[in-house]
């Protein structure tokens, strides 16, 4: 028997801002960009949520719903710092910790359950330790599987604690909306709704072929999860598949110079993460979103890894020039590096110099 704990910090970015400035504790707080620059809500305090404000909402709309909203620009370096503090606290309970974002992680607490110690005992200790050492609250779900534990942690936020005992997994998730299940996105949920499938239990009752038609290769995995089964273990070293950054442009633009300038800022952020993780990438992807919200991506894969940000910048310049010659205006630009290898591969010129 395996016991998985999913820890999810409550309204993380907003909670950090309230932690650093206690005068904000009883105020509706959001973290995100300015409304006049098409900013969006990155996080909303629970006080702000009472007004209908939520993450991913345009900041302009959030301000309309709550005119006395307190907006704070994001401070990602501070959020990373606090996240590291929280992860250190979690690792004081077990080495089997899998961070999946700045504000959430899985813990395998199987070895902690011995004698009279229960899963509830461990979960409460984790909550108290994070509160006492960092000053933040987190919601916890505990189950025999990762997928059910994650669903459970979202049930009684904030500062919630939901424990699903062995054998009760399928009964717990069966009445929940189908979009609560991992692997069921908005479009899939809409398709299922049209077919009369509203709950996870109704999804689990579908035949095997239906899962294959809807989810493709993931069909069997999703079917198992719909029945409360999930064999995935905690992964200690999650490998990054890509590193990216993007930004919404304050005013729609087709100007090459403006887009190239913004791409330089994004590249600086991406390259810093690449170096910090000691990764080497071979593929660059440029993302552009038009004024009417159509999204285009253009990718290029090099034969060897990119050696300097200058190499990437030259490639971005070429890709942008191809996209900015037709008066098409863009509202968002993004860059992403992927296709990582463990060891840096020398470019042709570097190889030539080594052979001389």
Protein backbone atom coordinates (compact mmCIF):
# COMPACT_ATOMS: atom_id res chain seq x y z
CA UNK A 1 0.00 0.00 0.00
CA UNK A 2 1.31 3.44 -0.97
CA UNK A 3 0.24 6.78 0.52
CA UNK A 4 0.63 9.95 -1.53
CA UNK A 5 0.20 13.45 -0.12
CA UNK A 6 -0.47 16.38 -2.44
CA UNK A 7 0.40 19.76 -0.91
CA UNK A 8 -0.96 22.89 -2.60
CA UNK A 9 -0.17 26.37 -1.29
CA UNK A 10 -3.28 28.55 -1.10
CA UNK A 11 -3.44 31.53 -3.52
CA UNK A 12 0.35 31.40 -3.52
CA UNK A 13 1.49 34.65 -5.17
CA UNK A 14 -1.17 36.71 -3.41
CA UNK A 15 -0.45 35.00 -0.09
CA UNK A 16 3.25 35.84 -0.37
CA UNK A 17 2.38 39.49 -0.91
CA UNK A 18 0.13 39.42 2.17
CA UNK A 19 2.88 37.68 4.13
CA UNK A 20 5.34 40.44 3.26
CA UNK A 21 2.77 43.20 3.87
CA UNK A 22 0.32 42.23 6.65
CA UNK A 23 -1.75 45.37 5.97
CA UNK A 24 -3.07 43.49 2.90
CA UNK A 25 -4.45 40.54 4.88
CA UNK A 26 -8.08 41.72 4.91
CA UNK A 27 -8.04 43.26 1.45
CA UNK A 28 -8.86 41.83 -1.99
CA UNK A 29 -5.42 41.31 -3.51
CA UNK A 30 -4.41 40.25 -7.00
CA UNK A 31 -1.01 39.72 -8.55
CA UNK A 32 -0.67 40.52 -12.24
CA UNK A 33 -0.06 43.06 -14.98
CA UNK A 34 -1.58 46.50 -15.31
CA UNK A 35 -5.07 46.64 -16.87
CA UNK A 36 -4.03 49.32 -19.36
CA UNK A 37 -1.33 46.96 -20.64
CA UNK A 38 -3.66 44.00 -21.08
CA UNK A 39 -2.44 42.43 -17.89
CA UNK A 40 -4.05 39.26 -16.55
CA UNK A 41 -4.59 38.00 -13.03
CA UNK A 42 -1.82 35.59 -12.05
CA UNK A 43 -3.24 34.98 -8.56
CA UNK A 44 -6.16 36.25 -6.51
CA UNK A 45 -6.58 36.21 -2.74
CA UNK A 46 -9.66 34.48 -1.38
CA UNK A 47 -11.10 37.86 -0.42
CA UNK A 48 -10.81 38.92 -4.07
CA UNK A 49 -12.43 35.67 -5.23
CA UNK A 50 -15.61 36.60 -3.37
CA UNK A 51 -16.10 39.28 -6.03
CA UNK A 52 -15.76 36.76 -8.85
CA UNK A 53 -12.09 37.52 -9.53
CA UNK A 54 -9.96 34.54 -10.52
CA UNK A 55 -6.63 33.70 -12.12
CA UNK A 56 -6.23 34.08 -15.91
CA UNK A 57 -8.93 36.77 -15.92
CA UNK A 58 -8.11 40.02 -17.75
CA UNK A 59 -7.05 42.56 -15.14
CA UNK A 60 -9.41 45.13 -16.63
CA UNK A 61 -12.35 42.80 -15.94
CA UNK A 62 -11.09 42.09 -12.41
CA UNK A 63 -11.01 45.82 -11.65
CA UNK A 64 -14.57 46.16 -12.94
CA UNK A 65 -15.77 43.40 -10.62
CA UNK A 66 -13.92 44.85 -7.63
CA UNK A 67 -12.98 48.55 -8.02
CA UNK A 68 -11.11 48.59 -4.68
CA UNK A 69 -8.92 45.67 -5.75
CA UNK A 70 -5.26 45.94 -4.69
CA UNK A 71 -3.10 45.03 -7.67
CA UNK A 72 0.54 44.10 -7.16
CA UNK A 73 3.05 43.43 -9.97
CA UNK A 74 4.51 39.92 -9.74
CA UNK A 75 7.82 39.35 -7.97
CA UNK A 76 8.88 35.95 -9.24
CA UNK A 77 12.28 35.95 -7.56
CA UNK A 78 10.52 36.30 -4.21
CA UNK A 79 8.02 33.56 -5.05
CA UNK A 80 10.87 31.21 -5.99
CA UNK A 81 12.60 32.03 -2.71
CA UNK A 82 9.51 31.23 -0.66
CA UNK A 83 8.85 28.10 -2.73
CA UNK A 84 12.33 26.80 -1.94
CA UNK A 85 11.70 27.39 1.77
CA UNK A 86 8.47 25.41 1.59
CA UNK A 87 10.10 22.53 -0.31
CA UNK A 88 12.81 22.35 2.36
CA UNK A 89 10.11 21.98 5.01
CA UNK A 90 8.44 19.22 2.99
CA UNK A 91 11.74 17.38 2.62
CA UNK A 92 12.13 17.38 6.40
CA UNK A 93 9.31 14.80 6.44
CA UNK A 94 10.49 12.61 3.55
CA UNK A 95 13.11 12.58 0.81
CA UNK A 96 10.40 11.46 -1.61
CA UNK A 97 9.21 14.91 -2.69
CA UNK A 98 8.24 15.81 -6.26
CA UNK A 99 7.74 19.55 -6.83
CA UNK A 100 5.44 20.07 -9.83
CA UNK A 101 5.33 23.88 -9.68
CA UNK A 102 6.34 26.67 -7.33
CA UNK A 103 3.26 26.12 -5.18
CA UNK A 104 2.56 22.40 -5.16
CA UNK A 105 4.29 19.07 -4.65
CA UNK A 106 3.68 15.37 -4.15
CA UNK A 107 5.09 13.53 -1.13
CA UNK A 108 5.28 9.76 -0.71
CA UNK A 109 4.62 9.36 3.02
CA UNK A 110 4.28 5.57 3.04
CA UNK A 111 7.34 5.11 5.26
CA UNK A 112 5.97 7.67 7.75
CA UNK A 113 2.89 5.57 8.52
CA UNK A 114 3.93 3.24 11.31
CA UNK A 115 2.62 2.30 14.72
CA UNK A 116 -0.16 4.65 15.75
CA UNK A 117 0.85 7.36 13.25
CA UNK A 118 -1.90 8.00 10.70
CA UNK A 119 -2.00 9.82 7.38
CA UNK A 120 -3.95 12.58 9.12
CA UNK A 121 -1.22 12.96 11.72
CA UNK A 122 1.42 13.46 9.02
CA UNK A 123 -0.75 15.84 6.99
CA UNK A 124 -1.51 18.04 10.01
CA UNK A 125 2.19 18.09 10.93
CA UNK A 126 3.05 19.21 7.38
CA UNK A 127 0.48 22.00 7.48
CA UNK A 128 1.68 23.20 10.89
CA UNK A 129 5.35 23.08 9.88
CA UNK A 130 4.80 25.17 6.75
CA UNK A 131 2.70 27.66 8.70
CA UNK A 132 5.22 27.95 11.54
CA UNK A 133 8.41 28.06 9.44
CA UNK A 134 7.21 29.97 6.38
CA UNK A 135 3.98 31.66 7.41
CA UNK A 136 1.73 30.29 4.65
CA UNK A 137 -1.21 27.92 4.62
CA UNK A 138 -1.54 24.98 2.28
CA UNK A 139 -4.28 22.54 1.44
CA UNK A 140 -3.57 18.83 1.47
CA UNK A 141 -5.09 15.77 -0.12
CA UNK A 142 -4.01 12.24 0.81
CA UNK A 143 -4.77 9.05 -1.06
CA UNK A 144 -3.19 5.91 -2.43
CA UNK A 145 -2.66 7.64 -5.80
CA UNK A 146 -1.34 10.95 -7.13
CA UNK A 147 -4.40 11.80 -9.20
CA UNK A 148 -6.90 11.29 -6.37
CA UNK A 149 -4.66 13.09 -3.85
CA UNK A 150 -4.49 16.11 -6.16
CA UNK A 151 -8.27 16.20 -6.58
CA UNK A 152 -8.71 15.88 -2.80
CA UNK A 153 -6.41 18.83 -2.06
CA UNK A 154 -8.69 21.13 -4.04
CA UNK A 155 -11.92 20.23 -2.23
CA UNK A 156 -11.78 22.33 0.95
CA UNK A 157 -9.50 25.25 0.15
CA UNK A 158 -8.05 27.24 1.81
CA UNK A 159 -6.15 25.36 4.54
CA UNK A 160 -8.12 22.23 3.69
CA UNK A 161 -7.36 18.63 4.56
CA UNK A 162 -9.10 15.75 2.76
CA UNK A 163 -8.04 12.14 3.26
CA UNK A 164 -9.35 9.38 1.02
CA UNK A 165 -8.95 6.00 2.67
CA UNK A 166 -7.84 2.95 0.66
CA UNK A 167 -10.75 1.44 -1.25
CA UNK A 168 -12.76 4.68 -1.31
CA UNK A 169 -11.00 6.32 -4.26
CA UNK A 170 -13.55 5.51 -6.97
CA UNK A 171 -16.52 6.33 -4.71
CA UNK A 172 -14.93 9.71 -3.86
CA UNK A 173 -14.32 10.88 -7.42
CA UNK A 174 -17.39 9.32 -9.09
CA UNK A 175 -19.84 12.20 -8.39
CA UNK A 176 -17.34 14.95 -9.24
CA UNK A 177 -17.52 16.96 -12.50
CA UNK A 178 -15.62 15.21 -15.25
CA UNK A 179 -13.22 18.14 -15.69
CA UNK A 180 -11.80 17.45 -12.22
CA UNK A 181 -10.02 14.42 -13.65
CA UNK A 182 -6.45 14.67 -14.92
CA UNK A 183 -6.33 14.53 -18.70
CA UNK A 184 -9.79 16.07 -19.26
CA UNK A 185 -9.32 19.58 -20.60
CA UNK A 186 -12.02 22.16 -21.44
CA UNK A 187 -12.55 20.97 -25.02
CA UNK A 188 -12.74 17.32 -24.01
CA UNK A 189 -15.08 18.15 -21.14
CA UNK A 190 -17.35 20.00 -23.58
CA UNK A 191 -17.39 17.03 -25.94
CA UNK A 192 -18.22 14.65 -23.09
CA UNK A 193 -20.98 16.97 -21.91
CA UNK A 194 -22.55 16.87 -25.36
CA UNK A 195 -22.57 13.08 -25.05
CA UNK A 196 -24.26 13.27 -21.65
CA UNK A 197 -21.14 12.48 -19.62
CA UNK A 198 -21.09 14.95 -16.72
CA UNK A 199 -19.39 13.10 -13.86
CA UNK A 200 -16.23 11.06 -13.43
CA UNK A 201 -18.42 8.06 -12.57
CA UNK A 202 -20.24 8.33 -15.88
CA UNK A 203 -16.90 8.57 -17.64
CA UNK A 204 -15.62 5.45 -15.86
CA UNK A 205 -18.67 3.52 -17.06
CA UNK A 206 -17.83 4.11 -20.73
CA UNK A 207 -16.48 1.20 -22.74
CA UNK A 208 -12.80 0.84 -23.57
CA UNK A 209 -13.22 1.78 -27.25
CA UNK A 210 -14.83 5.09 -26.31
CA UNK A 211 -11.77 6.04 -24.28
CA UNK A 212 -9.51 5.25 -27.23
CA UNK A 213 -11.64 7.36 -29.57
CA UNK A 214 -11.71 10.35 -27.23
CA UNK A 215 -8.26 10.26 -25.60
CA UNK A 216 -6.18 8.35 -28.14
CA UNK A 217 -3.05 6.73 -26.71
CA UNK A 218 -3.87 8.09 -23.27
CA UNK A 219 -7.25 6.34 -23.27
CA UNK A 220 -6.36 3.45 -20.98
CA UNK A 221 -4.51 5.70 -18.53
CA UNK A 222 -7.47 8.08 -18.28
CA UNK A 223 -9.86 5.13 -17.89
CA UNK A 224 -7.82 3.81 -14.96
CA UNK A 225 -7.80 7.22 -13.30
CA UNK A 226 -11.57 7.54 -13.74
CA UNK A 227 -11.82 4.40 -11.63
CA UNK A 228 -9.52 5.85 -8.96
CA UNK A 229 -6.47 3.87 -10.07
CA UNK A 230 -3.11 5.49 -10.67
CA UNK A 231 0.18 3.61 -10.58
CA UNK A 232 2.42 6.66 -11.02
CA UNK A 233 4.99 7.07 -8.27
CA UNK A 234 6.66 10.18 -6.90
CA UNK A 235 9.44 11.31 -9.26
CA UNK A 236 12.45 12.72 -7.45
CA UNK A 237 14.14 14.41 -10.40
CA UNK A 238 11.56 15.78 -12.81
CA UNK A 239 13.26 16.45 -16.14
CA UNK A 240 12.37 19.71 -17.85
CA UNK A 241 11.03 19.13 -21.35
CA UNK A 242 11.15 22.78 -22.33
CA UNK A 243 11.89 26.24 -20.95
CA UNK A 244 9.96 29.25 -22.17
CA UNK A 245 8.64 32.73 -21.52
CA UNK A 246 6.04 34.93 -23.16
CA UNK A 247 4.56 38.40 -22.81
CA UNK A 248 1.41 40.20 -23.86
CA UNK A 249 2.15 43.35 -25.87
CA UNK A 250 0.62 46.58 -24.54
CA UNK A 251 -0.57 47.56 -28.04
CA UNK A 252 -0.97 45.23 -31.02
CA UNK A 253 2.13 45.54 -33.15
CA UNK A 254 3.48 44.46 -36.52
CA UNK A 255 6.74 46.36 -36.03
CA UNK A 256 9.78 44.12 -36.34
CA UNK A 257 11.96 46.29 -34.09
CA UNK A 258 9.43 46.27 -31.26
CA UNK A 259 8.87 42.53 -31.47
CA UNK A 260 12.60 41.86 -31.70
CA UNK A 261 13.23 44.01 -28.62
CA UNK A 262 10.62 42.09 -26.66
CA UNK A 263 12.07 38.78 -27.84
CA UNK A 264 15.45 39.86 -26.44
CA UNK A 265 13.95 40.33 -22.98
CA UNK A 266 12.28 36.93 -23.20
CA UNK A 267 15.47 35.28 -24.38
CA UNK A 268 17.35 36.70 -21.40
CA UNK A 269 14.84 35.07 -19.04
CA UNK A 270 14.87 31.74 -20.89
CA UNK A 271 18.64 31.58 -21.21
CA UNK A 272 19.10 32.31 -17.51
CA UNK A 273 16.87 29.34 -16.65
CA UNK A 274 18.74 27.17 -19.15
CA UNK A 275 22.10 27.97 -17.58
CA UNK A 276 20.79 27.55 -14.04
CA UNK A 277 19.49 24.06 -14.88
CA UNK A 278 22.72 23.22 -16.75
CA UNK A 279 20.78 22.27 -19.88
CA UNK A 280 21.65 22.49 -23.58
CA UNK A 281 18.90 22.91 -26.17
CA UNK A 282 18.66 22.14 -29.89
CA UNK A 283 15.15 23.42 -30.69
CA UNK A 284 13.81 26.98 -30.67
CA UNK A 285 10.08 27.74 -30.91
CA UNK A 286 8.68 31.21 -31.59
CA UNK A 287 5.08 31.81 -30.56
CA UNK A 288 2.95 34.67 -31.89
CA UNK A 289 -0.70 35.45 -31.18
CA UNK A 290 -2.59 37.75 -33.51
CA UNK A 291 -5.07 40.50 -32.68
CA UNK A 292 -7.95 38.08 -33.32
CA UNK A 293 -6.38 35.50 -30.94
CA UNK A 294 -5.03 33.12 -33.56
CA UNK A 295 -1.82 31.50 -32.34
CA UNK A 296 1.10 30.57 -34.57
CA UNK A 297 4.25 28.69 -33.66
CA UNK A 298 7.42 28.42 -35.71
CA UNK A 299 10.13 25.95 -34.68
CA UNK A 300 13.70 25.31 -35.77
CA UNK A 301 15.88 22.41 -34.67
CA UNK A 302 19.64 22.83 -34.88
CA UNK A 303 22.00 19.94 -35.59
CA UNK A 304 23.93 20.84 -32.45
CA UNK A 305 22.98 22.61 -29.24
CA UNK A 306 22.81 26.39 -29.14
CA UNK A 307 26.09 27.65 -27.70
CA UNK A 308 25.25 31.28 -26.96
CA UNK A 309 22.13 33.45 -26.68
CA UNK A 310 23.50 35.36 -29.68
CA UNK A 311 22.98 32.30 -31.89
CA UNK A 312 19.36 32.08 -30.77
CA UNK A 313 18.85 35.81 -31.22
CA UNK A 314 20.00 35.66 -34.85
CA UNK A 315 17.56 32.84 -35.50
CA UNK A 316 14.72 34.75 -33.83
CA UNK A 317 15.50 37.70 -36.07
CA UNK A 318 15.14 35.56 -39.19
CA UNK A 319 11.89 33.99 -37.97
CA UNK A 320 10.39 37.34 -37.02
CA UNK A 321 11.22 38.94 -40.36
CA UNK A 322 9.25 36.20 -42.09
CA UNK A 323 6.21 36.93 -39.90
CA UNK A 324 6.20 40.74 -39.92
CA UNK A 325 6.11 41.50 -43.61
CA UNK A 326 2.36 41.23 -44.19
CA UNK A 327 0.90 43.90 -41.86
CA UNK A 328 -0.34 41.21 -39.48
CA UNK A 329 -0.45 42.61 -35.93
CA UNK A 330 0.39 40.60 -32.85
CA UNK A 331 -0.72 40.86 -29.24
CA UNK A 332 1.59 38.22 -27.71
CA UNK A 333 5.08 36.89 -28.32
CA UNK A 334 6.81 33.93 -26.71
CA UNK A 335 10.05 31.96 -26.95
CA UNK A 336 10.70 28.38 -25.92
CA UNK A 337 13.83 26.21 -25.95
CA UNK A 338 13.52 22.43 -25.91
CA UNK A 339 15.02 19.18 -27.18
CA UNK A 340 17.61 19.06 -24.40
CA UNK A 341 20.75 16.93 -24.33
CA UNK A 342 22.98 16.17 -21.36
CA UNK A 343 26.27 17.33 -22.83
CA UNK A 344 26.93 20.43 -24.90
CA UNK A 345 27.56 19.59 -28.56
CA UNK A 346 30.20 21.75 -30.21
CA UNK A 347 29.21 23.75 -33.25
CA UNK A 348 30.91 23.16 -36.60
CA UNK A 349 33.25 26.10 -36.05
CA UNK A 350 34.17 24.98 -32.55
CA UNK A 351 34.86 21.48 -33.83
CA UNK A 352 37.04 22.90 -36.62
CA UNK A 353 39.13 24.95 -34.20
CA UNK A 354 39.60 21.94 -31.95
CA UNK A 355 40.97 19.90 -34.86
CA UNK A 356 43.56 22.46 -35.92
